[in-house]
Protein backbone atom coordinates (compact mmCIF):
# COMPACT_ATOMS: atom_id res chain seq x y z
CA MET A 1 11.90 -46.32 -3.40
CA LYS A 2 13.19 -46.70 -7.25
CA LEU A 3 12.60 -49.58 -9.59
CA ALA A 4 14.68 -49.49 -13.38
CA HIS A 5 14.14 -52.31 -15.44
CA PHE A 6 17.40 -53.31 -17.99
CA LEU A 7 16.45 -56.55 -20.11
CA CYS A 8 15.79 -59.22 -17.61
CA CYS A 9 17.18 -57.55 -14.80
CA SER A 10 16.17 -54.59 -12.45
CA ILE A 11 17.61 -52.70 -9.86
CA MET A 12 15.85 -51.88 -6.64
CA LEU A 13 17.03 -48.74 -4.70
CA ILE A 14 16.19 -48.78 -1.34
CA GLU A 15 17.17 -45.04 -0.33
CA SER A 16 18.88 -44.25 3.47
CA VAL A 17 20.48 -47.68 2.92
CA ASN A 18 24.35 -48.42 2.02
CA ALA A 19 24.61 -47.09 -1.90
CA ALA A 20 27.25 -49.85 -2.71
CA LEU A 21 24.40 -52.91 -2.14
CA ILE A 22 21.51 -53.14 -4.51
CA MET A 23 18.64 -56.14 -5.00
CA ALA A 24 19.17 -56.84 -8.77
CA GLU A 25 16.43 -59.19 -10.35
CA VAL A 26 16.36 -62.33 -12.47
CA TYR A 27 14.20 -64.96 -13.74
CA GLY A 28 14.80 -68.07 -10.95
CA LYS A 29 13.51 -70.22 -8.91
CA PRO A 30 15.27 -71.55 -5.78
CA THR A 31 15.46 -75.19 -5.66
CA THR A 32 14.59 -75.26 -1.89
CA THR A 33 13.20 -73.17 0.52
CA LYS A 34 14.20 -75.83 3.33
CA GLU A 35 15.24 -73.59 6.72
CA VAL A 36 14.77 -70.21 5.00
CA TYR A 37 13.35 -67.82 6.76
CA SER A 38 9.20 -67.03 5.43
CA SER A 39 6.81 -64.62 5.95
CA LYS A 40 3.47 -63.02 4.89
CA VAL A 41 4.21 -60.07 2.95
CA LYS A 42 1.93 -57.93 0.58
CA SER A 43 4.05 -56.56 -2.12
CA TRP A 44 7.06 -58.03 -3.80
CA ASN A 45 8.88 -55.01 -3.39
CA GLU A 46 8.13 -55.71 0.69
CA CYS A 47 9.72 -58.77 -0.03
CA ILE A 48 12.91 -57.46 -1.61
CA ALA A 49 12.96 -54.51 0.61
CA GLU A 50 12.50 -56.90 3.63
CA CYS A 51 15.87 -58.96 2.33
CA TYR A 52 17.75 -55.61 1.69
CA HIS A 53 17.57 -54.65 5.35
CA VAL A 54 18.70 -57.87 7.34
CA GLN A 55 22.14 -57.99 7.33
CA SER A 56 22.66 -61.68 6.52
CA CYS A 57 20.08 -61.66 3.64
CA VAL A 58 21.31 -62.35 -0.04
CA ALA A 59 18.27 -63.38 -1.71
CA ALA A 60 15.06 -62.70 -2.26
CA TRP A 61 11.95 -64.87 -3.45
CA LYS A 62 8.33 -64.44 -3.35
CA ASN A 63 5.91 -67.46 -3.92
CA GLY A 64 2.18 -66.50 -3.73
CA SER A 65 1.97 -64.23 -0.68
CA THR A 66 4.82 -65.56 0.92
CA CYS A 67 8.48 -64.41 0.99
CA TYR A 68 11.75 -66.21 1.36
CA THR A 69 14.57 -64.44 2.37
CA PHE A 70 17.76 -66.43 2.28
CA ASP A 71 20.96 -65.92 4.37
CA TYR A 72 24.10 -66.27 2.56
CA TRP A 73 24.78 -69.73 4.42
CA LEU A 74 21.24 -71.28 3.15
CA MET A 75 20.98 -70.06 -0.50
CA GLU A 76 21.14 -72.94 -2.64
CA THR A 77 20.92 -73.36 -6.31
CA ILE A 78 19.30 -70.68 -8.33
CA THR A 79 17.39 -71.94 -11.25
CA GLN A 80 16.99 -70.03 -14.15
CA THR A 81 13.23 -69.74 -15.93
CA LYS A 82 11.80 -67.69 -18.23
CA GLN A 83 9.44 -64.96 -17.90
CA ILE A 84 6.56 -66.41 -18.86
CA ASN A 85 6.84 -68.23 -15.29
CA GLY A 86 6.62 -65.42 -13.69
CA SER A 87 9.12 -66.41 -11.04
CA ILE A 88 11.37 -63.72 -9.53
CA VAL A 89 14.49 -64.27 -7.49
CA ALA A 90 16.64 -60.66 -6.20
CA PHE A 91 19.88 -60.94 -5.38
CA LYS A 92 21.78 -58.59 -3.08
CA ILE A 93 24.85 -57.37 -5.11
CA GLU A 94 27.64 -54.43 -4.94
CA ASN A 95 26.71 -51.99 -7.55
CA LYS A 96 28.06 -48.46 -7.46
CA SER A 97 26.78 -47.30 -10.67
CA LYS A 98 22.78 -48.48 -9.75
CA GLU A 99 22.41 -49.47 -13.43
CA CYS A 100 22.18 -52.91 -14.68
CA PRO A 101 25.23 -53.58 -16.70
CA SER A 102 24.58 -54.95 -20.15
CA GLY A 103 25.49 -58.08 -21.15
CA SER A 104 23.42 -61.83 -20.39
CA ASN A 105 22.81 -64.00 -17.55
CA PRO A 106 22.39 -60.90 -14.94
CA PRO A 107 23.52 -60.72 -12.22
CA THR A 108 26.30 -62.37 -13.50
CA PHE A 109 26.77 -60.21 -16.60
CA GLY A 110 28.69 -61.24 -19.50
CA ASN A 111 29.94 -64.39 -17.20
CA LYS A 112 31.65 -62.28 -14.78
CA ASN A 113 31.02 -62.82 -11.21
CA ALA A 114 28.53 -60.31 -9.28
CA THR A 115 29.86 -60.08 -5.61
CA GLY A 116 29.12 -58.06 -2.55
CA SER A 117 30.13 -57.95 0.87
CA LEU A 118 27.99 -58.10 3.70
CA TYR A 119 28.93 -56.27 7.51
CA ILE A 120 26.93 -58.56 10.37
CA ASP A 121 27.13 -57.02 13.92
CA TYR A 122 23.16 -57.30 14.66
CA ASP A 123 23.84 -60.04 17.56
CA SER A 124 25.92 -57.96 20.36
CA LYS A 125 27.26 -61.30 21.88
CA ILE A 126 29.27 -62.21 18.92
CA PRO A 127 32.02 -60.28 17.42
CA PRO A 128 30.96 -58.19 13.99
CA MET A 129 32.52 -59.63 10.90
CA TRP A 130 32.26 -59.20 6.85
CA VAL A 131 30.84 -61.61 4.70
CA HIS A 132 32.35 -61.53 1.05
CA PHE A 133 30.54 -63.33 -1.50
CA ASN A 134 30.16 -64.06 -5.24
CA ILE A 135 27.28 -65.08 -7.17
CA TYR A 136 28.36 -67.18 -10.06
CA TYR A 137 26.64 -68.85 -13.23
CA THR A 138 26.88 -71.94 -14.96
CA GLU A 139 24.43 -74.21 -16.85
CA GLY A 140 21.23 -72.55 -16.33
CA THR A 141 21.83 -71.87 -12.63
CA TRP A 142 23.31 -69.84 -10.30
CA LYS A 143 25.29 -70.29 -7.03
CA LEU A 144 26.90 -68.56 -4.53
CA ASN A 145 30.07 -69.02 -2.90
CA TYR A 146 31.72 -67.01 0.59
CA GLU A 147 34.33 -66.37 2.91
CA GLU A 148 33.82 -65.26 6.38
CA ASP A 149 36.37 -62.57 7.82
CA ARG A 150 35.63 -62.46 11.57
CA PHE A 151 36.86 -59.59 13.66
CA CYS A 152 38.39 -61.65 16.21
CA GLY A 153 39.83 -64.20 13.59
CA GLU A 154 39.32 -67.79 13.52
CA TYR A 155 41.02 -68.83 17.15
CA GLN A 156 38.90 -68.70 20.42
CA TYR A 157 38.54 -65.21 21.65
CA ASP A 158 37.81 -64.28 25.31
CA GLY A 159 36.46 -61.11 25.11
CA PHE A 160 35.48 -58.11 22.45
CA VAL A 161 34.38 -54.59 22.51
CA SER A 162 33.58 -52.04 19.64
CA HIS A 163 34.56 -48.36 19.77
CA ALA A 164 32.92 -44.96 18.62
CA ASP A 165 35.50 -45.13 15.81
CA SER A 166 34.40 -48.00 13.72
CA THR A 167 36.88 -50.25 15.32
CA VAL A 168 36.83 -53.49 17.20
CA SER A 169 39.10 -54.58 20.36
CA CYS A 170 39.30 -58.53 20.98
CA SER A 171 41.10 -60.45 23.63
CA PHE A 172 43.08 -63.82 23.74
CA VAL A 173 43.82 -64.85 27.40
CA TRP A 174 46.38 -67.59 28.40
CA TYR A 175 47.26 -68.92 31.46
CA ASN A 176 49.04 -71.46 33.51
CA GLU A 177 47.34 -73.73 36.16
CA TYR A 178 51.00 -74.05 37.83
CA THR A 179 52.58 -71.73 39.86
CA THR A 180 55.33 -70.79 37.39
CA GLY A 181 54.37 -67.95 35.09
CA TYR A 182 55.30 -66.25 32.02
CA THR A 183 58.21 -63.66 31.06
CA TYR A 184 57.91 -60.79 28.92
CA ASP A 185 59.64 -62.47 25.83
CA GLU A 186 57.56 -65.74 26.10
CA VAL A 187 54.25 -63.51 25.89
CA LYS A 188 55.81 -61.50 23.05
CA GLU A 189 56.56 -64.31 21.25
CA THR A 190 53.22 -65.99 21.46
CA CYS A 191 51.09 -63.20 20.67
CA ASP A 192 53.42 -62.60 17.79
CA LYS A 193 53.05 -66.51 16.75
CA TYR A 194 49.37 -65.57 16.49
CA ALA A 195 49.52 -62.16 14.76
CA TYR A 196 48.33 -60.56 17.64
CA ASP A 197 49.70 -57.36 19.97
CA MET A 198 50.31 -57.60 23.37
CA ALA A 199 47.19 -56.06 25.30
CA GLY A 200 47.40 -52.33 26.13
CA PHE A 201 44.23 -49.73 27.13
CA LYS A 202 43.85 -47.50 24.53
CA TYR A 203 40.03 -47.07 24.83
CA LYS A 204 37.86 -46.20 27.83
CA GLU A 205 36.28 -49.34 26.99
CA ASP A 206 38.82 -51.65 26.58
CA VAL A 207 40.00 -51.57 30.43
CA ALA A 208 36.47 -53.41 31.35
CA MET A 209 36.67 -56.05 28.78
CA PHE A 210 40.57 -56.93 29.03
CA VAL A 211 40.00 -57.21 33.30
CA GLU A 212 36.90 -59.78 32.62
CA SER A 213 38.74 -61.56 30.32
CA ALA A 214 41.50 -61.67 32.84
CA LYS A 215 39.27 -62.29 35.82
CA LYS A 216 37.64 -65.45 33.67
CA TYR A 217 40.89 -67.65 34.41
CA LEU A 218 41.50 -67.09 38.08
CA GLY A 219 39.45 -70.28 38.81
CA LYS A 220 41.65 -72.04 36.60
CA ILE A 221 44.79 -70.99 38.36
CA LYS A 222 42.79 -71.88 41.45
CA ASP A 223 43.69 -68.34 43.34
CA THR A 224 42.24 -65.04 43.62
CA LYS A 225 44.90 -62.93 43.11
CA ALA A 226 47.07 -62.52 39.92
CA TYR A 227 50.18 -61.09 38.05
CA VAL A 228 48.49 -60.67 34.36
CA ARG A 229 51.07 -59.20 31.42
CA VAL A 230 50.19 -56.69 29.15
CA ASP A 231 51.86 -54.71 26.79
CA GLY A 232 54.76 -52.41 27.43
CA ILE A 233 58.45 -52.60 28.43
CA ARG A 234 60.50 -49.74 29.42
CA THR A 235 62.70 -48.49 26.97
CA ALA A 236 66.66 -48.65 27.35
CA ALA A 237 67.34 -45.39 27.86
CA CYS A 238 64.13 -44.77 30.41
CA GLN A 239 65.29 -47.58 32.73
CA LYS A 240 68.00 -45.95 33.85
CA THR A 241 65.78 -42.40 34.36
CA PRO A 242 62.61 -44.02 35.06
CA LYS A 243 61.31 -41.16 37.27
CA THR A 244 61.38 -38.52 34.39
CA ALA A 245 58.45 -37.38 33.11
CA TYR A 246 59.44 -38.05 29.67
CA CYS A 247 59.84 -42.07 31.08
CA MET A 248 56.66 -41.83 33.05
CA SER A 249 54.43 -41.09 29.92
CA GLU A 250 54.00 -43.48 27.06
CA LYS A 251 56.77 -42.73 25.56
CA GLY A 252 58.97 -44.29 28.04
CA PHE A 253 58.01 -47.29 26.84
CA THR A 254 58.03 -49.75 23.70
CA PHE A 255 54.75 -51.15 22.87
CA THR A 256 53.90 -54.45 20.07
CA GLY A 257 50.55 -52.83 19.58
CA PRO A 258 48.97 -49.25 19.38
CA THR A 259 50.21 -47.06 21.84
CA PRO A 260 47.66 -46.90 25.16
CA ASP A 261 46.60 -43.98 26.63
CA PHE A 262 47.87 -43.58 30.46
CA SER A 263 44.98 -41.65 31.85
CA LEU A 264 43.09 -44.84 31.99
CA TYR A 265 45.81 -46.70 33.82
CA LYS A 266 45.48 -46.91 38.06
CA TRP A 267 48.68 -47.34 39.31
CA VAL A 268 49.57 -48.83 42.51
CA THR A 269 52.14 -45.90 42.63
CA ASN A 270 52.62 -44.43 39.24
CA SER A 271 54.79 -45.27 35.99
CA SER A 272 57.93 -44.51 37.35
CA ALA A 273 57.70 -48.01 39.65
CA GLN A 274 61.04 -49.76 40.09
CA HIS A 275 61.77 -51.50 43.12
CA VAL A 276 64.79 -53.19 42.00
CA LYS A 277 66.40 -53.14 38.97
CA GLY A 278 64.78 -55.27 35.75
CA GLU A 279 60.92 -53.92 37.06
CA ASP A 280 60.79 -52.83 33.79
CA CYS A 281 57.55 -54.41 32.54
CA ILE A 282 54.07 -53.65 32.86
CA VAL A 283 51.71 -55.78 34.60
CA MET A 284 47.95 -55.62 35.73
CA ILE A 285 47.43 -56.93 39.34
CA ILE A 286 43.78 -58.42 40.24
CA ASP A 287 43.46 -58.99 43.96
CA GLY A 288 39.91 -60.47 45.12
CA ASN A 289 37.21 -57.51 45.30
CA ALA A 290 39.69 -55.16 45.00
CA ALA A 291 40.31 -52.27 42.13
CA VAL A 292 42.38 -53.58 39.68
CA LYS A 293 45.67 -51.82 39.73
CA MET A 294 49.14 -51.65 37.04
CA ASP A 295 52.40 -51.57 38.12
CA VAL A 296 55.94 -52.17 36.33
CA ARG A 297 57.38 -55.27 37.62
CA ALA A 298 60.19 -57.69 36.64
CA CYS A 299 60.24 -58.82 32.71
CA THR A 300 61.56 -62.34 34.03
CA ASP A 301 59.64 -65.24 36.45
CA THR A 302 62.28 -65.22 38.69
CA VAL A 303 60.56 -62.99 41.06
CA MET A 304 57.16 -62.46 40.23
CA HIS A 305 55.24 -65.05 38.68
CA ALA A 306 52.54 -63.94 36.30
CA ARG A 307 50.39 -66.62 35.09
CA ILE A 308 48.19 -64.72 33.04
CA PHE A 309 48.73 -62.35 29.99
CA ILE A 310 46.42 -61.38 27.74
CA CYS A 311 46.88 -60.79 23.55
CA SER A 312 44.81 -58.55 21.73
CA LEU A 313 43.55 -57.68 18.28
CA LEU A 314 42.34 -54.01 17.22
CA ARG A 315 40.35 -54.22 13.95
CA LYS A 316 38.80 -51.41 11.96
CA LYS A 317 35.12 -51.95 10.03
């Protein structure tokens, strides 16, 4: 650890952690510690480090041997104090220069807000999110406002999975409790409305996530078998020649989202299936405990009733 002092601000740099985030110290005292996490520590540096390593923490304050670490949603007003009072608050902020800028009222130097972004993914049951925050100074106090950017959006999601390339796939499922189903055009229109794509298997991890998301709705439609609409409609040219190698590949279909990986698809026969004219849309077939299969079936609702469909969202961290 290194500690560098500049005016009434100091910066703590903790090695092997995100270099863009620092802890900037000011003379101040929180107006309340209600519901704030507290622990016993031996030193101030230990207290600062505790906040720095907690994804959701934005400020730390030590009172006696007790360290208080403030999550972004719990940080209320911090009142500015004088050096003689000896009360110090450390804010977690973004500063790539690793130096305290010149100016008054740190960390809002020269009335310029201190900013930061927290990446939060510590709970494996909740999709990751970014929290973008501003710390601003007014009339002897520091305050914070923030905005949450949830990877699966603000609407109810049905599943999510993280990938090794720092992307996250989210699923959103619709169902029809009646005997009628959804056409391809209806599904595309609904997914477009919410700025989603239709679901497709781009990553190995997507398969189980999308399948489990859809299976949760079998009880809603009161059936053990279901056709589930997913992404993929055969191109106009390939509707005439579906059995060529080109048309059996991903290139033979148009997708609303990222191009999926057909090697992940377990087909009833293969991707050239076209039992009758007009069967050009990919569906997932769930049938009790049998292995889930993919097929190319009707895009309309006159022959086959796809009572479930999945929209998806792919986000990069």
